[in-house]
């Protein structure tokens, strides 16, 4: 309560306060509608992908990217491998289809995460990779999953996946703070719903391609320098005196 009072008092004194998502902006407005506050993206790009391989029917595999020093990432991978991945493998194999491999990328891999990779189970723990290898994985895997179950704010891994033109399946936690999230990703919670969404996406290269193309419009619209400037320019432009 003390720090809340300190923060609120500072916001009353400021001409404008900025928060990194509309979720936080709305939380402040719920406290007091009179506080001047806006949401502005925390991730901004000034260069964009010239061309992203759109041959999704030739792509293989599901990708997760996230460092394991951050506990929500470890929880996400453990949950996906233990509760979601078996369901989607069973579903696809029952239809006579080969289940996709699951590639896990991230630094500081723990022994618990390493142990998920077993002969023949489709889980491939790659750990830390170079920027070049990561770019290749984004261009050659068919789907990126972000199965986060907890964590606050806009997730950098989701924005990075959007920037790289990925077809994304995530949870409501993973999509938090992302404006118009359903425009550029599929959102599902619970093992069955998440597995169903991944299977549907994986079996639909045309939809993956459409989402890939949409991500590039979306990144420019929401995560570019121009987009950020549109939010703040009126606050930094001197008002004309009457």
C-alpha atoms as a PDB file:
ATOM      1  CA  UNK A   1       0.000   0.000   0.000  1.00  0.00           C
ATOM      2  CA  UNK A   2       2.896   2.353   0.780  1.00  0.00           C
ATOM      3  CA  UNK A   3       4.584   1.863  -2.620  1.00  0.00           C
ATOM      4  CA  UNK A   4       1.239   2.025  -4.378  1.00  0.00           C
ATOM      5  CA  UNK A   5       0.704   5.444  -2.771  1.00  0.00           C
ATOM      6  CA  UNK A   6       4.196   6.571  -3.821  1.00  0.00           C
ATOM      7  CA  UNK A   7       3.666   5.460  -7.410  1.00  0.00           C
ATOM      8  CA  UNK A   8       0.225   7.007  -7.622  1.00  0.00           C
ATOM      9  CA  UNK A   9       1.469  10.328  -6.230  1.00  0.00           C
ATOM     10  CA  UNK A  10       4.208  10.434  -8.876  1.00  0.00           C
ATOM     11  CA  UNK A  11       1.670   9.735 -11.628  1.00  0.00           C
ATOM     12  CA  UNK A  12      -0.486  12.624 -10.416  1.00  0.00           C
ATOM     13  CA  UNK A  13       2.541  14.925 -10.722  1.00  0.00           C
ATOM     14  CA  UNK A  14       3.536  13.703 -14.191  1.00  0.00           C
ATOM     15  CA  UNK A  15       2.043  15.028 -17.409  1.00  0.00           C
ATOM     16  CA  UNK A  16       1.790  11.432 -18.689  1.00  0.00           C
ATOM     17  CA  UNK A  17       2.717   7.940 -17.505  1.00  0.00           C
ATOM     18  CA  UNK A  18       3.456   5.063 -19.879  1.00  0.00           C
ATOM     19  CA  UNK A  19       2.924   1.363 -19.274  1.00  0.00           C
ATOM     20  CA  UNK A  20       4.038  -1.498 -21.556  1.00  0.00           C
ATOM     21  CA  UNK A  21       0.564  -2.891 -22.262  1.00  0.00           C
ATOM     22  CA  UNK A  22      -3.095  -1.979 -22.284  1.00  0.00           C
ATOM     23  CA  UNK A  23      -3.645  -4.436 -19.396  1.00  0.00           C
ATOM     24  CA  UNK A  24      -1.575  -2.248 -17.066  1.00  0.00           C
ATOM     25  CA  UNK A  25      -3.047   0.952 -18.496  1.00  0.00           C
ATOM     26  CA  UNK A  26      -6.552  -0.295 -17.740  1.00  0.00           C
ATOM     27  CA  UNK A  27      -5.521  -1.338 -14.223  1.00  0.00           C
ATOM     28  CA  UNK A  28      -4.345   2.217 -13.508  1.00  0.00           C
ATOM     29  CA  UNK A  29      -7.517   3.689 -15.003  1.00  0.00           C
ATOM     30  CA  UNK A  30      -9.567   1.383 -12.792  1.00  0.00           C
ATOM     31  CA  UNK A  31      -7.855   2.956  -9.773  1.00  0.00           C
ATOM     32  CA  UNK A  32      -8.515   6.509 -10.919  1.00  0.00           C
ATOM     33  CA  UNK A  33      -9.855   7.586 -14.291  1.00  0.00           C
ATOM     34  CA  UNK A  34      -8.217  11.007 -13.878  1.00  0.00           C
ATOM     35  CA  UNK A  35      -4.633   9.702 -13.954  1.00  0.00           C
ATOM     36  CA  UNK A  36      -3.070  10.513 -17.366  1.00  0.00           C
ATOM     37  CA  UNK A  37      -1.741   7.172 -18.606  1.00  0.00           C
ATOM     38  CA  UNK A  38      -1.095   5.457 -21.939  1.00  0.00           C
ATOM     39  CA  UNK A  39       0.181   2.094 -23.090  1.00  0.00           C
ATOM     40  CA  UNK A  40       3.280   1.956 -25.276  1.00  0.00           C
ATOM     41  CA  UNK A  41       5.046  -1.141 -26.584  1.00  0.00           C
ATOM     42  CA  UNK A  42       8.184  -2.252 -24.782  1.00  0.00           C
ATOM     43  CA  UNK A  43       9.602  -3.894 -27.920  1.00  0.00           C
ATOM     44  CA  UNK A  44      10.293  -1.734 -30.974  1.00  0.00           C
ATOM     45  CA  UNK A  45      11.803  -2.693 -34.350  1.00  0.00           C
ATOM     46  CA  UNK A  46      13.298  -0.342 -36.920  1.00  0.00           C
ATOM     47  CA  UNK A  47      14.191  -3.094 -39.400  1.00  0.00           C
ATOM     48  CA  UNK A  48      11.880  -5.777 -40.711  1.00  0.00           C
ATOM     49  CA  UNK A  49      12.129  -9.128 -42.458  1.00  0.00           C
ATOM     50  CA  UNK A  50      12.460  -8.725 -46.218  1.00  0.00           C
ATOM     51  CA  UNK A  51      11.261 -12.241 -46.988  1.00  0.00           C
ATOM     52  CA  UNK A  52      10.150 -15.164 -44.844  1.00  0.00           C
ATOM     53  CA  UNK A  53      10.043 -18.668 -46.385  1.00  0.00           C
ATOM     54  CA  UNK A  54       6.349 -19.417 -46.861  1.00  0.00           C
ATOM     55  CA  UNK A  55       6.707 -23.107 -47.734  1.00  0.00           C
ATOM     56  CA  UNK A  56       4.952 -24.309 -44.589  1.00  0.00           C
ATOM     57  CA  UNK A  57       3.986 -27.623 -46.181  1.00  0.00           C
ATOM     58  CA  UNK A  58       7.724 -28.433 -46.332  1.00  0.00           C
ATOM     59  CA  UNK A  59       8.407 -27.347 -42.766  1.00  0.00           C
ATOM     60  CA  UNK A  60       8.596 -29.824 -39.902  1.00  0.00           C
ATOM     61  CA  UNK A  61       8.386 -29.610 -36.159  1.00  0.00           C
ATOM     62  CA  UNK A  62       7.181 -27.508 -33.255  1.00  0.00           C
ATOM     63  CA  UNK A  63       9.479 -24.929 -31.650  1.00  0.00           C
ATOM     64  CA  UNK A  64       9.739 -23.438 -28.170  1.00  0.00           C
ATOM     65  CA  UNK A  65      12.180 -20.614 -27.391  1.00  0.00           C
ATOM     66  CA  UNK A  66      12.918 -19.381 -23.878  1.00  0.00           C
ATOM     67  CA  UNK A  67      15.742 -19.237 -21.331  1.00  0.00           C
ATOM     68  CA  UNK A  68      15.431 -21.595 -18.379  1.00  0.00           C
ATOM     69  CA  UNK A  69      16.742 -19.196 -15.765  1.00  0.00           C
ATOM     70  CA  UNK A  70      13.159 -17.901 -15.940  1.00  0.00           C
ATOM     71  CA  UNK A  71      10.919 -20.397 -14.044  1.00  0.00           C
ATOM     72  CA  UNK A  72       7.750 -19.877 -16.160  1.00  0.00           C
ATOM     73  CA  UNK A  73       9.645 -21.165 -19.226  1.00  0.00           C
ATOM     74  CA  UNK A  74      10.679 -24.380 -17.482  1.00  0.00           C
ATOM     75  CA  UNK A  75       7.122 -24.895 -16.263  1.00  0.00           C
ATOM     76  CA  UNK A  76       5.784 -24.302 -19.786  1.00  0.00           C
ATOM     77  CA  UNK A  77       8.034 -26.921 -21.383  1.00  0.00           C
ATOM     78  CA  UNK A  78       7.427 -29.490 -18.639  1.00  0.00           C
ATOM     79  CA  UNK A  79       3.664 -29.015 -18.941  1.00  0.00           C
ATOM     80  CA  UNK A  80       3.714 -29.221 -22.738  1.00  0.00           C
ATOM     81  CA  UNK A  81       5.853 -32.381 -22.850  1.00  0.00           C
ATOM     82  CA  UNK A  82       4.055 -34.178 -20.053  1.00  0.00           C
ATOM     83  CA  UNK A  83       0.441 -33.197 -20.660  1.00  0.00           C
ATOM     84  CA  UNK A  84       0.004 -31.731 -24.167  1.00  0.00           C
ATOM     85  CA  UNK A  85       2.510 -33.417 -26.449  1.00  0.00           C
ATOM     86  CA  UNK A  86       1.303 -37.000 -25.709  1.00  0.00           C
ATOM     87  CA  UNK A  87      -2.248 -35.977 -26.650  1.00  0.00           C
ATOM     88  CA  UNK A  88      -1.295 -34.463 -29.993  1.00  0.00           C
ATOM     89  CA  UNK A  89       1.043 -37.369 -30.813  1.00  0.00           C
ATOM     90  CA  UNK A  90      -1.710 -39.867 -30.050  1.00  0.00           C
ATOM     91  CA  UNK A  91      -4.226 -37.898 -32.128  1.00  0.00           C
ATOM     92  CA  UNK A  92      -1.998 -37.640 -35.193  1.00  0.00           C
ATOM     93  CA  UNK A  93      -0.697 -41.200 -35.007  1.00  0.00           C
ATOM     94  CA  UNK A  94      -4.264 -42.498 -34.740  1.00  0.00           C
ATOM     95  CA  UNK A  95      -4.913 -40.794 -38.086  1.00  0.00           C
ATOM     96  CA  UNK A  96      -1.847 -42.447 -39.613  1.00  0.00           C
ATOM     97  CA  UNK A  97       0.188 -39.236 -39.523  1.00  0.00           C
ATOM     98  CA  UNK A  98       3.721 -38.765 -38.247  1.00  0.00           C
ATOM     99  CA  UNK A  99       3.763 -36.619 -35.132  1.00  0.00           C
ATOM    100  CA  UNK A 100       6.079 -33.592 -35.349  1.00  0.00           C
ATOM    101  CA  UNK A 101       9.262 -33.357 -33.304  1.00  0.00           C
ATOM    102  CA  UNK A 102       9.350 -30.787 -30.507  1.00  0.00           C
ATOM    103  CA  UNK A 103      12.457 -28.577 -30.515  1.00  0.00           C
ATOM    104  CA  UNK A 104      13.336 -26.791 -27.262  1.00  0.00           C
ATOM    105  CA  UNK A 105      15.710 -23.825 -27.495  1.00  0.00           C
ATOM    106  CA  UNK A 106      16.990 -21.814 -24.547  1.00  0.00           C
ATOM    107  CA  UNK A 107      19.990 -21.119 -22.355  1.00  0.00           C
ATOM    108  CA  UNK A 108      20.671 -22.551 -18.894  1.00  0.00           C
ATOM    109  CA  UNK A 109      18.900 -25.847 -19.543  1.00  0.00           C
ATOM    110  CA  UNK A 110      18.301 -27.711 -16.276  1.00  0.00           C
ATOM    111  CA  UNK A 111      18.757 -31.454 -15.714  1.00  0.00           C
ATOM    112  CA  UNK A 112      14.981 -31.785 -15.415  1.00  0.00           C
ATOM    113  CA  UNK A 113      14.520 -30.274 -18.881  1.00  0.00           C
ATOM    114  CA  UNK A 114      17.359 -32.363 -20.368  1.00  0.00           C
ATOM    115  CA  UNK A 115      15.703 -35.510 -19.019  1.00  0.00           C
ATOM    116  CA  UNK A 116      12.639 -34.833 -21.177  1.00  0.00           C
ATOM    117  CA  UNK A 117      14.583 -35.966 -24.256  1.00  0.00           C
ATOM    118  CA  UNK A 118      14.344 -39.736 -24.516  1.00  0.00           C
ATOM    119  CA  UNK A 119      15.038 -42.043 -27.495  1.00  0.00           C
ATOM    120  CA  UNK A 120      12.091 -42.042 -29.861  1.00  0.00           C
ATOM    121  CA  UNK A 121       9.868 -39.644 -27.903  1.00  0.00           C
ATOM    122  CA  UNK A 122      10.205 -36.759 -30.384  1.00  0.00           C
ATOM    123  CA  UNK A 123      11.547 -34.233 -27.864  1.00  0.00           C
ATOM    124  CA  UNK A 124      14.792 -32.552 -28.941  1.00  0.00           C
ATOM    125  CA  UNK A 125      16.472 -30.340 -26.331  1.00  0.00           C
ATOM    126  CA  UNK A 126      18.783 -28.044 -28.273  1.00  0.00           C
ATOM    127  CA  UNK A 127      19.597 -25.669 -25.428  1.00  0.00           C
ATOM    128  CA  UNK A 128      21.537 -22.530 -26.271  1.00  0.00           C
ATOM    129  CA  UNK A 129      21.901 -21.843 -30.009  1.00  0.00           C
ATOM    130  CA  UNK A 130      23.488 -19.098 -32.096  1.00  0.00           C
ATOM    131  CA  UNK A 131      21.420 -16.298 -33.626  1.00  0.00           C
ATOM    132  CA  UNK A 132      21.951 -17.892 -37.047  1.00  0.00           C
ATOM    133  CA  UNK A 133      20.698 -21.295 -35.903  1.00  0.00           C
ATOM    134  CA  UNK A 134      17.713 -19.741 -34.166  1.00  0.00           C
ATOM    135  CA  UNK A 135      16.791 -17.846 -37.348  1.00  0.00           C
ATOM    136  CA  UNK A 136      17.000 -21.116 -39.276  1.00  0.00           C
ATOM    137  CA  UNK A 137      14.738 -22.853 -36.770  1.00  0.00           C
ATOM    138  CA  UNK A 138      12.163 -20.087 -37.084  1.00  0.00           C
ATOM    139  CA  UNK A 139      12.287 -20.532 -40.878  1.00  0.00           C
ATOM    140  CA  UNK A 140      12.085 -24.338 -40.937  1.00  0.00           C
ATOM    141  CA  UNK A 141       9.707 -25.341 -38.123  1.00  0.00           C
ATOM    142  CA  UNK A 142       5.997 -25.131 -38.822  1.00  0.00           C
ATOM    143  CA  UNK A 143       4.629 -23.901 -35.497  1.00  0.00           C
ATOM    144  CA  UNK A 144       5.927 -22.022 -32.460  1.00  0.00           C
ATOM    145  CA  UNK A 145       4.275 -22.840 -29.141  1.00  0.00           C
ATOM    146  CA  UNK A 146       4.294 -20.607 -26.062  1.00  0.00           C
ATOM    147  CA  UNK A 147       2.519 -22.760 -23.435  1.00  0.00           C
ATOM    148  CA  UNK A 148       3.025 -20.411 -20.487  1.00  0.00           C
ATOM    149  CA  UNK A 149       0.840 -20.994 -17.444  1.00  0.00           C
ATOM    150  CA  UNK A 150       1.941 -18.013 -15.366  1.00  0.00           C
ATOM    151  CA  UNK A 151       3.891 -14.774 -15.705  1.00  0.00           C
ATOM    152  CA  UNK A 152       2.854 -11.155 -16.137  1.00  0.00           C
ATOM    153  CA  UNK A 153       3.132  -8.561 -18.863  1.00  0.00           C
ATOM    154  CA  UNK A 154       3.888  -8.729 -22.561  1.00  0.00           C
ATOM    155  CA  UNK A 155       6.092 -11.740 -23.326  1.00  0.00           C
ATOM    156  CA  UNK A 156       9.211 -10.975 -25.339  1.00  0.00           C
ATOM    157  CA  UNK A 157       9.298 -14.483 -26.803  1.00  0.00           C
ATOM    158  CA  UNK A 158       5.840 -13.953 -28.317  1.00  0.00           C
ATOM    159  CA  UNK A 159       6.849 -10.656 -29.929  1.00  0.00           C
ATOM    160  CA  UNK A 160      10.063 -12.252 -31.232  1.00  0.00           C
ATOM    161  CA  UNK A 161       8.083 -15.108 -32.767  1.00  0.00           C
ATOM    162  CA  UNK A 162       5.731 -12.613 -34.431  1.00  0.00           C
ATOM    163  CA  UNK A 163       8.702 -10.682 -35.797  1.00  0.00           C
ATOM    164  CA  UNK A 164      10.047 -13.911 -37.282  1.00  0.00           C
ATOM    165  CA  UNK A 165       6.740 -14.691 -38.992  1.00  0.00           C
ATOM    166  CA  UNK A 166       5.827 -17.706 -36.899  1.00  0.00           C
ATOM    167  CA  UNK A 167       2.478 -19.439 -36.770  1.00  0.00           C
ATOM    168  CA  UNK A 168       1.894 -19.324 -33.006  1.00  0.00           C
ATOM    169  CA  UNK A 169      -0.198 -21.277 -30.531  1.00  0.00           C
ATOM    170  CA  UNK A 170      -0.149 -19.888 -27.003  1.00  0.00           C
ATOM    171  CA  UNK A 171      -2.167 -19.634 -23.809  1.00  0.00           C
ATOM    172  CA  UNK A 172      -4.115 -16.671 -22.483  1.00  0.00           C
ATOM    173  CA  UNK A 173      -1.084 -15.952 -20.276  1.00  0.00           C
ATOM    174  CA  UNK A 174       1.196 -15.942 -23.327  1.00  0.00           C
ATOM    175  CA  UNK A 175      -1.094 -13.568 -25.202  1.00  0.00           C
ATOM    176  CA  UNK A 176      -1.509 -11.138 -22.297  1.00  0.00           C
ATOM    177  CA  UNK A 177      -1.062  -7.523 -23.315  1.00  0.00           C
ATOM    178  CA  UNK A 178      -0.823  -8.327 -27.033  1.00  0.00           C
ATOM    179  CA  UNK A 179      -3.397  -6.122 -28.839  1.00  0.00           C
ATOM    180  CA  UNK A 180      -5.680  -7.988 -31.265  1.00  0.00           C
ATOM    181  CA  UNK A 181      -3.957 -11.235 -30.275  1.00  0.00           C
ATOM    182  CA  UNK A 182      -6.456 -13.459 -32.082  1.00  0.00           C
ATOM    183  CA  UNK A 183      -5.469 -11.769 -35.338  1.00  0.00           C
ATOM    184  CA  UNK A 184      -1.955 -13.262 -35.308  1.00  0.00           C
ATOM    185  CA  UNK A 185      -2.020 -16.283 -33.002  1.00  0.00           C
ATOM    186  CA  UNK A 186      -4.213 -19.081 -31.708  1.00  0.00           C
ATOM    187  CA  UNK A 187      -4.995 -18.998 -27.993  1.00  0.00           C
ATOM    188  CA  UNK A 188      -6.028 -22.049 -25.991  1.00  0.00           C
ATOM    189  CA  UNK A 189      -5.849 -23.137 -22.344  1.00  0.00           C
ATOM    190  CA  UNK A 190      -5.837 -26.630 -20.870  1.00  0.00           C
ATOM    191  CA  UNK A 191      -4.048 -29.709 -22.268  1.00  0.00           C
ATOM    192  CA  UNK A 192      -6.841 -30.941 -24.551  1.00  0.00           C
ATOM    193  CA  UNK A 193      -7.694 -27.539 -26.013  1.00  0.00           C
ATOM    194  CA  UNK A 194      -4.032 -26.659 -26.532  1.00  0.00           C
ATOM    195  CA  UNK A 195      -3.261 -30.003 -28.187  1.00  0.00           C
ATOM    196  CA  UNK A 196      -6.317 -29.671 -30.465  1.00  0.00           C
ATOM    197  CA  UNK A 197      -5.243 -26.185 -31.577  1.00  0.00           C
ATOM    198  CA  UNK A 198      -1.688 -27.318 -32.326  1.00  0.00           C
ATOM    199  CA  UNK A 199      -2.921 -30.309 -34.348  1.00  0.00           C
ATOM    200  CA  UNK A 200      -5.337 -28.141 -36.360  1.00  0.00           C
ATOM    201  CA  UNK A 201      -2.651 -25.577 -37.087  1.00  0.00           C
ATOM    202  CA  UNK A 202      -0.051 -28.172 -37.946  1.00  0.00           C
ATOM    203  CA  UNK A 203      -2.376 -29.834 -40.429  1.00  0.00           C
ATOM    204  CA  UNK A 204      -3.190 -26.546 -42.150  1.00  0.00           C
ATOM    205  CA  UNK A 205      -0.086 -25.101 -43.902  1.00  0.00           C
ATOM    206  CA  UNK A 206      -2.281 -22.581 -45.721  1.00  0.00           C
ATOM    207  CA  UNK A 207      -3.467 -21.110 -42.414  1.00  0.00           C
ATOM    208  CA  UNK A 208       0.134 -21.052 -41.160  1.00  0.00           C
ATOM    209  CA  UNK A 209       1.100 -19.104 -44.284  1.00  0.00           C
ATOM    210  CA  UNK A 210      -1.767 -16.652 -43.817  1.00  0.00           C
ATOM    211  CA  UNK A 211      -0.782 -16.031 -40.205  1.00  0.00           C
ATOM    212  CA  UNK A 212       2.856 -15.581 -41.229  1.00  0.00           C
ATOM    213  CA  UNK A 213       1.883 -12.887 -43.711  1.00  0.00           C
ATOM    214  CA  UNK A 214      -0.369 -11.213 -41.142  1.00  0.00           C
ATOM    215  CA  UNK A 215       2.426 -11.074 -38.551  1.00  0.00           C
ATOM    216  CA  UNK A 216       4.527  -8.849 -40.793  1.00  0.00           C
ATOM    217  CA  UNK A 217       1.726  -6.299 -41.169  1.00  0.00           C
ATOM    218  CA  UNK A 218       1.057  -6.568 -37.451  1.00  0.00           C
ATOM    219  CA  UNK A 219       4.666  -5.981 -36.347  1.00  0.00           C
ATOM    220  CA  UNK A 220       4.841  -2.814 -38.424  1.00  0.00           C
ATOM    221  CA  UNK A 221       1.497  -1.651 -37.069  1.00  0.00           C
ATOM    222  CA  UNK A 222       2.197  -2.219 -33.376  1.00  0.00           C
ATOM    223  CA  UNK A 223       5.928  -2.795 -32.795  1.00  0.00           C
ATOM    224  CA  UNK A 224       7.682  -0.296 -35.061  1.00  0.00           C
ATOM    225  CA  UNK A 225       9.343   2.999 -34.202  1.00  0.00           C
ATOM    226  CA  UNK A 226       6.545   4.774 -36.072  1.00  0.00           C
ATOM    227  CA  UNK A 227       3.902   2.980 -34.027  1.00  0.00           C
ATOM    228  CA  UNK A 228       5.581   3.948 -30.760  1.00  0.00           C
ATOM    229  CA  UNK A 229       5.995   7.549 -31.875  1.00  0.00           C
ATOM    230  CA  UNK A 230       2.292   7.835 -32.712  1.00  0.00           C
ATOM    231  CA  UNK A 231       1.531   7.098 -29.056  1.00  0.00           C
ATOM    232  CA  UNK A 232       3.867   9.711 -27.622  1.00  0.00           C
ATOM    233  CA  UNK A 233       4.221  12.430 -30.259  1.00  0.00           C
ATOM    234  CA  UNK A 234       1.336  14.553 -29.022  1.00  0.00           C
ATOM    235  CA  UNK A 235       2.843  14.483 -25.511  1.00  0.00           C
ATOM    236  CA  UNK A 236       6.185  15.766 -26.837  1.00  0.00           C
ATOM    237  CA  UNK A 237       4.848  18.286 -29.334  1.00  0.00           C
ATOM    238  CA  UNK A 238       4.520  21.760 -27.801  1.00  0.00           C
ATOM    239  CA  UNK A 239       0.901  22.889 -27.771  1.00  0.00           C
ATOM    240  CA  UNK A 240       0.199  26.131 -29.598  1.00  0.00           C
ATOM    241  CA  UNK A 241      -0.695  29.056 -27.371  1.00  0.00           C
ATOM    242  CA  UNK A 242      -3.989  30.762 -28.082  1.00  0.00           C
END
